[in-house]
Amino acid sequence: MSAVNRRIVLDRRPTGVPLPEHFKRDDQAMPAPGHGQFRVRNLLLSIDPAQRGWVNAGGNYSQPVAIGAVMRSLAVGVVDSSECADVAVGEHLYGWFGWQDFCIATPQDIVRRVDPLQAPLTAAVGVLGITGLTAYLALTKIGAPQRGETVIVSTAAGAVGSIVGQVARRLGCFVVGIAGSEEKAAVCKREFGYHEALNYKSGFNTAAVRARCPHGADVFFDNTSGAIADAVFPVMNLRGRVIQCGTAAEPVWDPPPAGPRRDREILVKRLRHEGFIVFDHLAEFPAVAATLAQWIRDGLLRYRDDVEQGLDRAPAALAGLYQGENQGKKIIRL
């Protein structure tokens, strides 16, 4: 075993999208667990759009990563040393283990215990991690789609959106996806069960959305905000539900972005517009993960993993999310 723990730390605080130059390598000696702690050897790092919020100074639901600290990240790893009675050597865990080879952790850092036989380990950081859990819980809790309703999803070919579309289809909905290319729009229909799909980079406007939604839209799963949402809101039906799951189209949060105001549509259509943070629902993670894993085994749920090799690829992989470079859930394998 190496005596060095490779780490990537936040070197400069970004304004907006974090880029590789905001991080640096800072290797240290191999850490050892103390009483009540255990050491995780990271196997897979999760690259998530939410990490933009974790390093920016404003608009957060948690304290930003400190300058000089290991970049916050969910990861799947195996316990290789333990001084904690509740955690055994050899266990696979999904938790807050950061962009590094090894992490000294406590039980509070565990998000979910992973059964390696349940599904491939990559699924534990993607479709069975916050990606799939966000898709399922946000759609069912806030969207509450009913059979026969129309559901629109932005970034529909992405890691979250691709799962949302399939869950909505299983619930008996008419599902319309919005993606960033003709190829991704085709993937939405071919692989992920969307009835219709649009490329927001070509001829995209409210009329184009309305043409794909002959009965209007009842649920909008919004991962972007911005111009995409501006085009969708006029198509919403009376008492529609809007799930705010991301704001990827907004380059900065301070000052607030300017654009069309949606207040009138929310008022006259009596829309419900609610934000979703998956960590508010930790207690439901094991049950939802078990449901999604069963759907995978039964051939009822498809997903894509986009895996890169090597810790040093993490910063560029994160920046690439905002350019739409990933083809599925972005993962770094160590």
C-alpha atoms as a PDB file:
ATOM      1  CA  MET A   1       0.000   0.000   0.000  1.00  0.00           C
ATOM      2  CA  SER A   2       1.258   3.486  -0.873  1.00  0.00           C
ATOM      3  CA  ALA A   3       2.422   5.647   2.039  1.00  0.00           C
ATOM      4  CA  VAL A   4       1.057   8.742   0.251  1.00  0.00           C
ATOM      5  CA  ASN A   5      -2.525   9.930   0.068  1.00  0.00           C
ATOM      6  CA  ARG A   6      -3.113  11.797  -3.173  1.00  0.00           C
ATOM      7  CA  ARG A   7      -5.578  14.653  -2.666  1.00  0.00           C
ATOM      8  CA  ILE A   8      -7.154  17.387  -4.776  1.00  0.00           C
ATOM      9  CA  VAL A   9      -7.941  20.526  -2.801  1.00  0.00           C
ATOM     10  CA  LEU A  10      -9.705  23.793  -3.582  1.00  0.00           C
ATOM     11  CA  ASP A  11      -7.002  26.350  -4.338  1.00  0.00           C
ATOM     12  CA  ARG A  12      -9.062  29.388  -5.421  1.00  0.00           C
ATOM     13  CA  ARG A  13     -12.760  30.104  -5.022  1.00  0.00           C
ATOM     14  CA  PRO A  14     -14.573  30.332  -8.361  1.00  0.00           C
ATOM     15  CA  THR A  15     -17.359  32.649  -9.372  1.00  0.00           C
ATOM     16  CA  GLY A  16     -19.694  30.404 -11.288  1.00  0.00           C
ATOM     17  CA  VAL A  17     -18.465  27.185 -12.880  1.00  0.00           C
ATOM     18  CA  PRO A  18     -15.342  25.723 -11.205  1.00  0.00           C
ATOM     19  CA  LEU A  19     -12.481  25.127 -13.632  1.00  0.00           C
ATOM     20  CA  PRO A  20      -9.329  23.006 -13.297  1.00  0.00           C
ATOM     21  CA  GLU A  21      -7.263  26.054 -12.309  1.00  0.00           C
ATOM     22  CA  HIS A  22      -9.357  26.432  -9.144  1.00  0.00           C
ATOM     23  CA  PHE A  23      -7.886  23.169  -7.782  1.00  0.00           C
ATOM     24  CA  LYS A  24      -4.454  21.732  -7.069  1.00  0.00           C
ATOM     25  CA  ARG A  25      -2.838  18.471  -5.973  1.00  0.00           C
ATOM     26  CA  ASP A  26      -1.770  18.387  -2.339  1.00  0.00           C
ATOM     27  CA  ASP A  27      -0.480  14.951  -1.365  1.00  0.00           C
ATOM     28  CA  GLN A  28      -0.002  14.017   2.261  1.00  0.00           C
ATOM     29  CA  ALA A  29       1.146  11.066   4.317  1.00  0.00           C
ATOM     30  CA  MET A  30      -1.186   8.107   4.613  1.00  0.00           C
ATOM     31  CA  PRO A  31      -3.741   8.872   7.375  1.00  0.00           C
ATOM     32  CA  ALA A  32      -4.560   6.414  10.168  1.00  0.00           C
ATOM     33  CA  PRO A  33      -7.948   6.170  11.895  1.00  0.00           C
ATOM     34  CA  GLY A  34      -8.360   7.113  15.553  1.00  0.00           C
ATOM     35  CA  HIS A  35     -10.891   5.863  18.061  1.00  0.00           C
ATOM     36  CA  GLY A  36     -14.386   5.745  16.511  1.00  0.00           C
ATOM     37  CA  GLN A  37     -13.000   6.322  13.019  1.00  0.00           C
ATOM     38  CA  PHE A  38     -12.308   4.161   9.970  1.00  0.00           C
ATOM     39  CA  ARG A  39     -10.281   4.542   6.775  1.00  0.00           C
ATOM     40  CA  VAL A  40     -11.920   4.258   3.358  1.00  0.00           C
ATOM     41  CA  ARG A  41      -9.949   3.458   0.219  1.00  0.00           C
ATOM     42  CA  ASN A  42     -11.866   5.277  -2.492  1.00  0.00           C
ATOM     43  CA  LEU A  43     -12.746   3.295  -5.612  1.00  0.00           C
ATOM     44  CA  LEU A  44     -15.137   5.597  -7.481  1.00  0.00           C
ATOM     45  CA  LEU A  45     -15.653   9.350  -7.199  1.00  0.00           C
ATOM     46  CA  SER A  46     -18.958  10.961  -8.107  1.00  0.00           C
ATOM     47  CA  ILE A  47     -18.832  14.084 -10.291  1.00  0.00           C
ATOM     48  CA  ASP A  48     -22.033  16.048  -9.705  1.00  0.00           C
ATOM     49  CA  PRO A  49     -23.451  19.404 -10.874  1.00  0.00           C
ATOM     50  CA  ALA A  50     -24.124  20.212  -7.209  1.00  0.00           C
ATOM     51  CA  GLN A  51     -20.371  20.532  -6.643  1.00  0.00           C
ATOM     52  CA  ARG A  52     -20.518  23.944  -8.294  1.00  0.00           C
ATOM     53  CA  GLY A  53     -22.649  25.090  -5.375  1.00  0.00           C
ATOM     54  CA  TRP A  54     -20.333  23.486  -2.837  1.00  0.00           C
ATOM     55  CA  VAL A  55     -17.366  25.645  -3.902  1.00  0.00           C
ATOM     56  CA  ASN A  56     -19.102  28.948  -4.637  1.00  0.00           C
ATOM     57  CA  ALA A  57     -19.549  31.541  -1.920  1.00  0.00           C
ATOM     58  CA  GLY A  58     -23.240  32.333  -2.419  1.00  0.00           C
ATOM     59  CA  GLY A  59     -26.547  30.606  -3.098  1.00  0.00           C
ATOM     60  CA  ASN A  60     -25.676  27.485  -1.116  1.00  0.00           C
ATOM     61  CA  TYR A  61     -27.584  25.145   1.188  1.00  0.00           C
ATOM     62  CA  SER A  62     -24.349  24.178   2.979  1.00  0.00           C
ATOM     63  CA  GLN A  63     -21.049  25.761   3.949  1.00  0.00           C
ATOM     64  CA  PRO A  64     -18.728  26.098   0.948  1.00  0.00           C
ATOM     65  CA  VAL A  65     -15.571  24.012   0.761  1.00  0.00           C
ATOM     66  CA  ALA A  66     -12.740  25.873   2.515  1.00  0.00           C
ATOM     67  CA  ILE A  67      -9.702  26.997   0.558  1.00  0.00           C
ATOM     68  CA  GLY A  68      -7.040  24.332   1.018  1.00  0.00           C
ATOM     69  CA  ALA A  69      -9.561  21.631   1.925  1.00  0.00           C
ATOM     70  CA  VAL A  70     -10.079  18.384   0.029  1.00  0.00           C
ATOM     71  CA  MET A  71     -12.781  18.861  -2.589  1.00  0.00           C
ATOM     72  CA  ARG A  72     -16.119  17.678  -1.245  1.00  0.00           C
ATOM     73  CA  SER A  73     -17.397  14.677  -3.125  1.00  0.00           C
ATOM     74  CA  LEU A  74     -19.499  11.613  -2.696  1.00  0.00           C
ATOM     75  CA  ALA A  75     -17.617   8.409  -3.392  1.00  0.00           C
ATOM     76  CA  VAL A  76     -17.826   4.655  -3.120  1.00  0.00           C
ATOM     77  CA  GLY A  77     -14.988   2.999  -1.278  1.00  0.00           C
ATOM     78  CA  VAL A  78     -14.012  -0.020   0.764  1.00  0.00           C
ATOM     79  CA  VAL A  79     -13.022   0.084   4.427  1.00  0.00           C
ATOM     80  CA  ASP A  80      -9.402  -1.039   4.828  1.00  0.00           C
ATOM     81  CA  SER A  81      -8.860  -0.120   8.487  1.00  0.00           C
ATOM     82  CA  SER A  82     -11.355   0.479  11.291  1.00  0.00           C
ATOM     83  CA  GLU A  83     -11.349   1.621  14.898  1.00  0.00           C
ATOM     84  CA  CYS A  84     -15.151   1.940  14.814  1.00  0.00           C
ATOM     85  CA  ALA A  85     -17.341  -0.830  16.219  1.00  0.00           C
ATOM     86  CA  ASP A  86     -20.135  -0.068  13.721  1.00  0.00           C
ATOM     87  CA  VAL A  87     -17.990  -0.322  10.581  1.00  0.00           C
ATOM     88  CA  ALA A  88     -16.131  -3.461   9.522  1.00  0.00           C
ATOM     89  CA  VAL A  89     -13.052  -3.857   7.356  1.00  0.00           C
ATOM     90  CA  GLY A  90     -14.130  -4.933   3.879  1.00  0.00           C
ATOM     91  CA  GLU A  91     -17.441  -3.054   3.884  1.00  0.00           C
ATOM     92  CA  HIS A  92     -18.342  -1.026   0.797  1.00  0.00           C
ATOM     93  CA  LEU A  93     -19.723   2.414   1.613  1.00  0.00           C
ATOM     94  CA  TYR A  94     -21.165   5.393  -0.257  1.00  0.00           C
ATOM     95  CA  GLY A  95     -20.442   8.635   1.528  1.00  0.00           C
ATOM     96  CA  TRP A  96     -18.623  11.928   1.908  1.00  0.00           C
ATOM     97  CA  PHE A  97     -15.076  10.770   1.211  1.00  0.00           C
ATOM     98  CA  GLY A  98     -13.775  13.540  -1.077  1.00  0.00           C
ATOM     99  CA  TRP A  99     -11.391  13.788  -4.015  1.00  0.00           C
ATOM    100  CA  GLN A 100      -8.593  11.687  -2.542  1.00  0.00           C
ATOM    101  CA  ASP A 101      -7.341   8.121  -2.412  1.00  0.00           C
ATOM    102  CA  PHE A 102      -8.058   7.569   1.284  1.00  0.00           C
ATOM    103  CA  CYS A 103     -10.422   9.211   3.743  1.00  0.00           C
ATOM    104  CA  ILE A 104     -10.577   9.082   7.532  1.00  0.00           C
ATOM    105  CA  ALA A 105     -14.285   9.010   8.272  1.00  0.00           C
ATOM    106  CA  THR A 106     -16.894   8.465  10.960  1.00  0.00           C
ATOM    107  CA  PRO A 107     -20.366   6.889  10.660  1.00  0.00           C
ATOM    108  CA  GLN A 108     -21.805  10.390  10.096  1.00  0.00           C
ATOM    109  CA  ASP A 109     -20.005  10.472   6.734  1.00  0.00           C
ATOM    110  CA  ILE A 110     -21.847   7.396   5.445  1.00  0.00           C
ATOM    111  CA  VAL A 111     -24.780   8.060   3.123  1.00  0.00           C
ATOM    112  CA  ARG A 112     -25.554   4.421   2.374  1.00  0.00           C
ATOM    113  CA  ARG A 113     -23.981   1.012   2.915  1.00  0.00           C
ATOM    114  CA  VAL A 114     -23.436  -0.666  -0.437  1.00  0.00           C
ATOM    115  CA  ASP A 115     -24.102  -4.282  -1.323  1.00  0.00           C
ATOM    116  CA  PRO A 116     -21.658  -5.076  -4.174  1.00  0.00           C
ATOM    117  CA  LEU A 117     -23.986  -7.869  -5.323  1.00  0.00           C
ATOM    118  CA  GLN A 118     -26.982  -5.534  -5.697  1.00  0.00           C
ATOM    119  CA  ALA A 119     -25.667  -3.923  -8.898  1.00  0.00           C
ATOM    120  CA  PRO A 120     -22.330  -2.897 -10.452  1.00  0.00           C
ATOM    121  CA  LEU A 121     -20.371  -0.624  -8.125  1.00  0.00           C
ATOM    122  CA  THR A 122     -20.618   2.254 -10.600  1.00  0.00           C
ATOM    123  CA  ALA A 123     -24.388   2.186 -10.073  1.00  0.00           C
ATOM    124  CA  ALA A 124     -23.831   2.960  -6.396  1.00  0.00           C
ATOM    125  CA  VAL A 125     -22.512   6.451  -7.265  1.00  0.00           C
ATOM    126  CA  GLY A 126     -25.025   7.005 -10.067  1.00  0.00           C
ATOM    127  CA  VAL A 127     -28.426   5.462 -10.562  1.00  0.00           C
ATOM    128  CA  LEU A 128     -28.411   4.084  -6.992  1.00  0.00           C
ATOM    129  CA  GLY A 129     -26.708   7.195  -5.596  1.00  0.00           C
ATOM    130  CA  ILE A 130     -27.983  10.768  -5.421  1.00  0.00           C
ATOM    131  CA  THR A 131     -28.514  10.762  -9.195  1.00  0.00           C
ATOM    132  CA  GLY A 132     -31.254   8.145  -9.282  1.00  0.00           C
ATOM    133  CA  LEU A 133     -32.562   9.046  -5.836  1.00  0.00           C
ATOM    134  CA  THR A 134     -32.997  12.682  -6.894  1.00  0.00           C
ATOM    135  CA  ALA A 135     -34.848  11.630 -10.037  1.00  0.00           C
ATOM    136  CA  TYR A 136     -37.247   9.305  -8.239  1.00  0.00           C
ATOM    137  CA  LEU A 137     -37.884  11.327  -5.083  1.00  0.00           C
ATOM    138  CA  ALA A 138     -38.184  14.772  -6.688  1.00  0.00           C
ATOM    139  CA  LEU A 139     -40.531  13.513  -9.376  1.00  0.00           C
ATOM    140  CA  THR A 140     -42.799  11.542  -7.065  1.00  0.00           C
ATOM    141  CA  LYS A 141     -42.804  13.900  -4.065  1.00  0.00           C
ATOM    142  CA  ILE A 142     -43.133  17.286  -5.777  1.00  0.00           C
ATOM    143  CA  GLY A 143     -44.285  16.396  -9.271  1.00  0.00           C
ATOM    144  CA  ALA A 144     -46.726  13.695  -8.108  1.00  0.00           C
ATOM    145  CA  PRO A 145     -47.507  12.807 -11.742  1.00  0.00           C
ATOM    146  CA  GLN A 146     -50.775  11.085 -12.477  1.00  0.00           C
ATOM    147  CA  ARG A 147     -51.455   8.599 -15.254  1.00  0.00           C
ATOM    148  CA  GLY A 148     -52.145  10.410 -18.513  1.00  0.00           C
ATOM    149  CA  GLU A 149     -50.429  13.657 -17.516  1.00  0.00           C
ATOM    150  CA  THR A 150     -47.602  15.256 -19.502  1.00  0.00           C
ATOM    151  CA  VAL A 151     -44.133  15.537 -17.930  1.00  0.00           C
ATOM    152  CA  ILE A 152     -41.385  17.737 -19.415  1.00  0.00           C
ATOM    153  CA  VAL A 153     -37.747  17.191 -18.378  1.00  0.00           C
ATOM    154  CA  SER A 154     -34.763  19.440 -19.134  1.00  0.00           C
ATOM    155  CA  THR A 155     -31.280  17.893 -19.581  1.00  0.00           C
ATOM    156  CA  ALA A 156     -33.342  14.842 -20.386  1.00  0.00           C
ATOM    157  CA  ALA A 157     -30.420  12.710 -21.601  1.00  0.00           C
ATOM    158  CA  GLY A 158     -28.342  13.477 -18.513  1.00  0.00           C
ATOM    159  CA  ALA A 159     -27.729  11.296 -15.511  1.00  0.00           C
ATOM    160  CA  VAL A 160     -30.780  12.574 -13.585  1.00  0.00           C
ATOM    161  CA  GLY A 161     -33.030  13.391 -16.526  1.00  0.00           C
ATOM    162  CA  SER A 162     -32.672   9.979 -18.136  1.00  0.00           C
ATOM    163  CA  ILE A 163     -33.983   8.347 -14.957  1.00  0.00           C
ATOM    164  CA  VAL A 164     -36.799  10.891 -14.544  1.00  0.00           C
ATOM    165  CA  GLY A 165     -38.099  10.096 -18.006  1.00  0.00           C
ATOM    166  CA  GLN A 166     -38.209   6.376 -17.349  1.00  0.00           C
ATOM    167  CA  VAL A 167     -39.904   6.736 -13.966  1.00  0.00           C
ATOM    168  CA  ALA A 168     -42.519   9.081 -15.444  1.00  0.00           C
ATOM    169  CA  ARG A 169     -43.147   6.640 -18.287  1.00  0.00           C
ATOM    170  CA  ARG A 170     -43.620   3.792 -15.786  1.00  0.00           C
ATOM    171  CA  LEU A 171     -46.191   5.954 -14.014  1.00  0.00           C
ATOM    172  CA  GLY A 172     -48.209   6.174 -17.219  1.00  0.00           C
ATOM    173  CA  CYS A 173     -47.287   9.711 -18.280  1.00  0.00           C
ATOM    174  CA  PHE A 174     -46.617  11.261 -21.675  1.00  0.00           C
ATOM    175  CA  VAL A 175     -42.962  12.282 -21.406  1.00  0.00           C
ATOM    176  CA  VAL A 176     -41.178  15.054 -23.328  1.00  0.00           C
ATOM    177  CA  GLY A 177     -37.433  15.596 -23.062  1.00  0.00           C
ATOM    178  CA  ILE A 178     -35.261  18.641 -23.732  1.00  0.00           C
ATOM    179  CA  ALA A 179     -31.625  17.866 -24.555  1.00  0.00           C
ATOM    180  CA  GLY A 180     -28.528  19.636 -25.884  1.00  0.00           C
ATOM    181  CA  SER A 181     -28.129  18.026 -29.317  1.00  0.00           C
ATOM    182  CA  GLU A 182     -29.997  16.065 -31.960  1.00  0.00           C
ATOM    183  CA  GLU A 183     -28.039  12.982 -30.935  1.00  0.00           C
ATOM    184  CA  LYS A 184     -29.025  13.350 -27.279  1.00  0.00           C
ATOM    185  CA  ALA A 185     -32.645  13.972 -28.221  1.00  0.00           C
ATOM    186  CA  ALA A 186     -32.591  10.737 -30.231  1.00  0.00           C
ATOM    187  CA  VAL A 187     -31.083   8.867 -27.263  1.00  0.00           C
ATOM    188  CA  CYS A 188     -33.927  10.132 -25.076  1.00  0.00           C
ATOM    189  CA  LYS A 189     -36.455   8.413 -27.324  1.00  0.00           C
ATOM    190  CA  ARG A 190     -34.395   5.366 -28.236  1.00  0.00           C
ATOM    191  CA  GLU A 191     -33.004   4.434 -24.819  1.00  0.00           C
ATOM    192  CA  PHE A 192     -34.877   6.265 -22.099  1.00  0.00           C
ATOM    193  CA  GLY A 193     -38.532   5.962 -23.068  1.00  0.00           C
ATOM    194  CA  TYR A 194     -39.349   9.561 -23.977  1.00  0.00           C
ATOM    195  CA  HIS A 195     -42.295   9.966 -26.326  1.00  0.00           C
ATOM    196  CA  GLU A 196     -40.931  13.249 -27.712  1.00  0.00           C
ATOM    197  CA  ALA A 197     -37.625  15.118 -27.442  1.00  0.00           C
ATOM    198  CA  LEU A 198     -36.312  18.531 -28.483  1.00  0.00           C
ATOM    199  CA  ASN A 199     -32.849  19.948 -29.072  1.00  0.00           C
ATOM    200  CA  TYR A 200     -32.733  23.271 -27.211  1.00  0.00           C
ATOM    201  CA  LYS A 201     -29.840  24.463 -29.412  1.00  0.00           C
ATOM    202  CA  SER A 202     -31.876  24.412 -32.622  1.00  0.00           C
ATOM    203  CA  GLY A 203     -35.180  26.192 -33.223  1.00  0.00           C
ATOM    204  CA  PHE A 204     -36.155  25.983 -29.582  1.00  0.00           C
ATOM    205  CA  ASN A 205     -38.941  28.221 -28.281  1.00  0.00           C
ATOM    206  CA  THR A 206     -42.350  28.045 -26.628  1.00  0.00           C
ATOM    207  CA  ALA A 207     -44.038  27.153 -29.909  1.00  0.00           C
ATOM    208  CA  ALA A 208     -41.686  24.185 -30.355  1.00  0.00           C
ATOM    209  CA  VAL A 209     -42.435  22.985 -26.821  1.00  0.00           C
ATOM    210  CA  ARG A 210     -46.170  23.440 -27.295  1.00  0.00           C
ATOM    211  CA  ALA A 211     -46.056  21.428 -30.534  1.00  0.00           C
ATOM    212  CA  ARG A 212     -44.664  18.433 -28.602  1.00  0.00           C
ATOM    213  CA  CYS A 213     -47.206  18.837 -25.797  1.00  0.00           C
ATOM    214  CA  PRO A 214     -50.657  18.841 -27.442  1.00  0.00           C
ATOM    215  CA  HIS A 215     -52.363  18.782 -24.037  1.00  0.00           C
ATOM    216  CA  GLY A 216     -50.005  21.201 -22.298  1.00  0.00           C
ATOM    217  CA  ALA A 217     -47.667  20.195 -19.478  1.00  0.00           C
ATOM    218  CA  ASP A 218     -48.599  19.144 -15.967  1.00  0.00           C
ATOM    219  CA  VAL A 219     -45.118  18.560 -14.510  1.00  0.00           C
ATOM    220  CA  PHE A 220     -41.851  20.298 -15.405  1.00  0.00           C
ATOM    221  CA  PHE A 221     -38.676  18.741 -14.004  1.00  0.00           C
ATOM    222  CA  ASP A 222     -36.310  21.689 -14.377  1.00  0.00           C
ATOM    223  CA  ASN A 223     -32.574  21.035 -14.166  1.00  0.00           C
ATOM    224  CA  THR A 224     -31.469  24.262 -15.871  1.00  0.00           C
ATOM    225  CA  SER A 225     -33.680  27.318 -15.257  1.00  0.00           C
ATOM    226  CA  GLY A 226     -32.776  30.088 -17.726  1.00  0.00           C
ATOM    227  CA  ALA A 227     -34.046  30.279 -21.286  1.00  0.00           C
ATOM    228  CA  ILE A 228     -35.241  26.675 -21.311  1.00  0.00           C
ATOM    229  CA  ALA A 229     -37.564  27.314 -18.397  1.00  0.00           C
ATOM    230  CA  ASP A 230     -38.719  30.576 -19.994  1.00  0.00           C
ATOM    231  CA  ALA A 231     -39.920  28.569 -22.999  1.00  0.00           C
ATOM    232  CA  VAL A 232     -41.652  25.889 -20.913  1.00  0.00           C
ATOM    233  CA  PHE A 233     -43.576  27.948 -18.343  1.00  0.00           C
ATOM    234  CA  PRO A 234     -46.179  29.270 -20.834  1.00  0.00           C
ATOM    235  CA  VAL A 235     -47.055  25.657 -21.728  1.00  0.00           C
ATOM    236  CA  MET A 236     -47.840  24.657 -18.133  1.00  0.00           C
ATOM    237  CA  ASN A 237     -51.412  23.643 -17.360  1.00  0.00           C
ATOM    238  CA  LEU A 238     -53.639  24.846 -14.560  1.00  0.00           C
ATOM    239  CA  ARG A 239     -52.279  23.584 -11.207  1.00  0.00           C
ATOM    240  CA  GLY A 240     -49.084  22.307 -12.822  1.00  0.00           C
ATOM    241  CA  ARG A 241     -46.059  21.419 -10.715  1.00  0.00           C
ATOM    242  CA  VAL A 242     -42.532  22.709 -11.365  1.00  0.00           C
ATOM    243  CA  ILE A 243     -39.620  20.897  -9.716  1.00  0.00           C
ATOM    244  CA  GLN A 244     -36.540  23.110  -9.416  1.00  0.00           C
ATOM    245  CA  CYS A 245     -33.755  20.550  -9.290  1.00  0.00           C
ATOM    246  CA  GLY A 246     -30.920  22.566 -10.828  1.00  0.00           C
ATOM    247  CA  THR A 247     -29.906  25.920 -12.288  1.00  0.00           C
ATOM    248  CA  ALA A 248     -27.173  24.823 -14.693  1.00  0.00           C
ATOM    249  CA  ALA A 249     -28.065  27.490 -17.270  1.00  0.00           C
ATOM    250  CA  GLU A 250     -27.348  30.349 -14.859  1.00  0.00           C
ATOM    251  CA  PRO A 251     -23.645  31.262 -15.146  1.00  0.00           C
ATOM    252  CA  VAL A 252     -23.535  33.133 -11.811  1.00  0.00           C
ATOM    253  CA  TRP A 253     -25.935  33.641  -8.913  1.00  0.00           C
ATOM    254  CA  ASP A 254     -24.639  36.998  -7.707  1.00  0.00           C
ATOM    255  CA  PRO A 255     -25.884  39.306  -9.090  1.00  0.00           C
ATOM    256  CA  PRO A 256     -29.121  37.415  -9.750  1.00  0.00           C
ATOM    257  CA  PRO A 257     -29.656  36.593 -13.424  1.00  0.00           C
ATOM    258  CA  ALA A 258     -32.074  38.810 -15.347  1.00  0.00           C
ATOM    259  CA  GLY A 259     -34.752  37.383 -17.589  1.00  0.00           C
ATOM    260  CA  PRO A 260     -38.479  37.011 -18.150  1.00  0.00           C
ATOM    261  CA  ARG A 261     -40.536  37.023 -14.970  1.00  0.00           C
ATOM    262  CA  ARG A 262     -42.764  33.992 -14.400  1.00  0.00           C
ATOM    263  CA  ASP A 263     -44.838  35.393 -11.554  1.00  0.00           C
ATOM    264  CA  ARG A 264     -47.955  35.958 -13.649  1.00  0.00           C
ATOM    265  CA  GLU A 265     -48.006  32.400 -14.964  1.00  0.00           C
ATOM    266  CA  ILE A 266     -47.473  31.030 -11.463  1.00  0.00           C
ATOM    267  CA  LEU A 267     -50.341  33.178 -10.213  1.00  0.00           C
ATOM    268  CA  VAL A 268     -53.000  32.707 -12.856  1.00  0.00           C
ATOM    269  CA  LYS A 269     -52.285  29.007 -13.443  1.00  0.00           C
ATOM    270  CA  ARG A 270     -51.916  28.340  -9.704  1.00  0.00           C
ATOM    271  CA  LEU A 271     -48.604  26.597 -10.320  1.00  0.00           C
ATOM    272  CA  ARG A 272     -46.634  24.902  -7.583  1.00  0.00           C
ATOM    273  CA  HIS A 273     -42.922  25.734  -7.935  1.00  0.00           C
ATOM    274  CA  GLU A 274     -40.720  23.989  -5.384  1.00  0.00           C
ATOM    275  CA  GLY A 275     -37.015  23.346  -4.987  1.00  0.00           C
ATOM    276  CA  PHE A 276     -35.609  19.909  -4.232  1.00  0.00           C
ATOM    277  CA  ILE A 277     -32.462  19.021  -2.274  1.00  0.00           C
ATOM    278  CA  VAL A 278     -31.977  15.275  -2.080  1.00  0.00           C
ATOM    279  CA  PHE A 279     -30.184  15.372   1.281  1.00  0.00           C
ATOM    280  CA  ASP A 280     -33.471  16.349   2.940  1.00  0.00           C
ATOM    281  CA  HIS A 281     -34.579  12.762   2.341  1.00  0.00           C
ATOM    282  CA  LEU A 282     -31.711  10.625   3.639  1.00  0.00           C
ATOM    283  CA  ALA A 283     -33.992   8.248   5.530  1.00  0.00           C
ATOM    284  CA  GLU A 284     -35.586   7.127   2.262  1.00  0.00           C
ATOM    285  CA  PHE A 285     -32.342   6.333   0.445  1.00  0.00           C
ATOM    286  CA  PRO A 286     -32.107   2.578   1.204  1.00  0.00           C
ATOM    287  CA  ALA A 287     -35.697   1.814   0.204  1.00  0.00           C
ATOM    288  CA  VAL A 288     -35.564   3.835  -3.021  1.00  0.00           C
ATOM    289  CA  ALA A 289     -32.175   2.370  -3.968  1.00  0.00           C
ATOM    290  CA  ALA A 290     -33.603  -1.125  -3.453  1.00  0.00           C
ATOM    291  CA  THR A 291     -36.562  -0.314  -5.730  1.00  0.00           C
ATOM    292  CA  LEU A 292     -34.328   1.062  -8.486  1.00  0.00           C
ATOM    293  CA  ALA A 293     -31.936  -1.892  -8.190  1.00  0.00           C
ATOM    294  CA  GLN A 294     -34.842  -4.300  -8.649  1.00  0.00           C
ATOM    295  CA  TRP A 295     -35.961  -2.409 -11.759  1.00  0.00           C
ATOM    296  CA  ILE A 296     -32.431  -2.711 -13.159  1.00  0.00           C
ATOM    297  CA  ARG A 297     -32.364  -6.467 -12.523  1.00  0.00           C
ATOM    298  CA  ASP A 298     -35.785  -6.812 -14.134  1.00  0.00           C
ATOM    299  CA  GLY A 299     -34.629  -4.923 -17.228  1.00  0.00           C
ATOM    300  CA  LEU A 300     -37.033  -2.034 -16.550  1.00  0.00           C
ATOM    301  CA  LEU A 301     -34.490   0.742 -15.992  1.00  0.00           C
ATOM    302  CA  ARG A 302     -31.587   1.725 -18.216  1.00  0.00           C
ATOM    303  CA  TYR A 303     -28.689   4.004 -17.339  1.00  0.00           C
ATOM    304  CA  ARG A 304     -25.364   5.167 -18.734  1.00  0.00           C
ATOM    305  CA  ASP A 305     -22.089   5.580 -16.869  1.00  0.00           C
ATOM    306  CA  ASP A 306     -19.345   7.841 -18.244  1.00  0.00           C
ATOM    307  CA  VAL A 307     -16.198   6.644 -16.457  1.00  0.00           C
ATOM    308  CA  GLU A 308     -12.746   8.233 -16.588  1.00  0.00           C
ATOM    309  CA  GLN A 309      -9.599   6.848 -14.997  1.00  0.00           C
ATOM    310  CA  GLY A 310      -7.440   8.748 -12.529  1.00  0.00           C
ATOM    311  CA  LEU A 311      -7.811  11.232  -9.679  1.00  0.00           C
ATOM    312  CA  ASP A 312      -6.222  14.077 -11.660  1.00  0.00           C
ATOM    313  CA  ARG A 313      -9.069  13.939 -14.190  1.00  0.00           C
ATOM    314  CA  ALA A 314     -11.643  15.049 -11.615  1.00  0.00           C
ATOM    315  CA  PRO A 315     -11.403  18.869 -12.023  1.00  0.00           C
ATOM    316  CA  ALA A 316     -11.690  18.753 -15.816  1.00  0.00           C
ATOM    317  CA  ALA A 317     -14.528  16.232 -15.580  1.00  0.00           C
ATOM    318  CA  LEU A 318     -16.464  18.598 -13.326  1.00  0.00           C
ATOM    319  CA  ALA A 319     -15.974  21.537 -15.693  1.00  0.00           C
ATOM    320  CA  GLY A 320     -17.043  19.329 -18.591  1.00  0.00           C
ATOM    321  CA  LEU A 321     -20.447  18.700 -17.016  1.00  0.00           C
ATOM    322  CA  TYR A 322     -21.424  22.294 -17.740  1.00  0.00           C
ATOM    323  CA  GLN A 323     -20.380  21.931 -21.368  1.00  0.00           C
ATOM    324  CA  GLY A 324     -22.556  18.856 -21.814  1.00  0.00           C
ATOM    325  CA  GLU A 325     -19.522  16.684 -22.536  1.00  0.00           C
ATOM    326  CA  ASN A 326     -20.621  13.720 -20.448  1.00  0.00           C
ATOM    327  CA  GLN A 327     -22.553  10.792 -21.877  1.00  0.00           C
ATOM    328  CA  GLY A 328     -24.328   9.666 -18.729  1.00  0.00           C
ATOM    329  CA  LYS A 329     -23.288   9.754 -15.095  1.00  0.00           C
ATOM    330  CA  LYS A 330     -19.729  11.081 -14.802  1.00  0.00           C
ATOM    331  CA  ILE A 331     -17.526   8.922 -12.545  1.00  0.00           C
ATOM    332  CA  ILE A 332     -13.824   8.907 -11.773  1.00  0.00           C
ATOM    333  CA  ARG A 333     -12.322   5.472 -11.173  1.00  0.00           C
ATOM    334  CA  LEU A 334      -9.243   5.334  -8.935  1.00  0.00           C
END
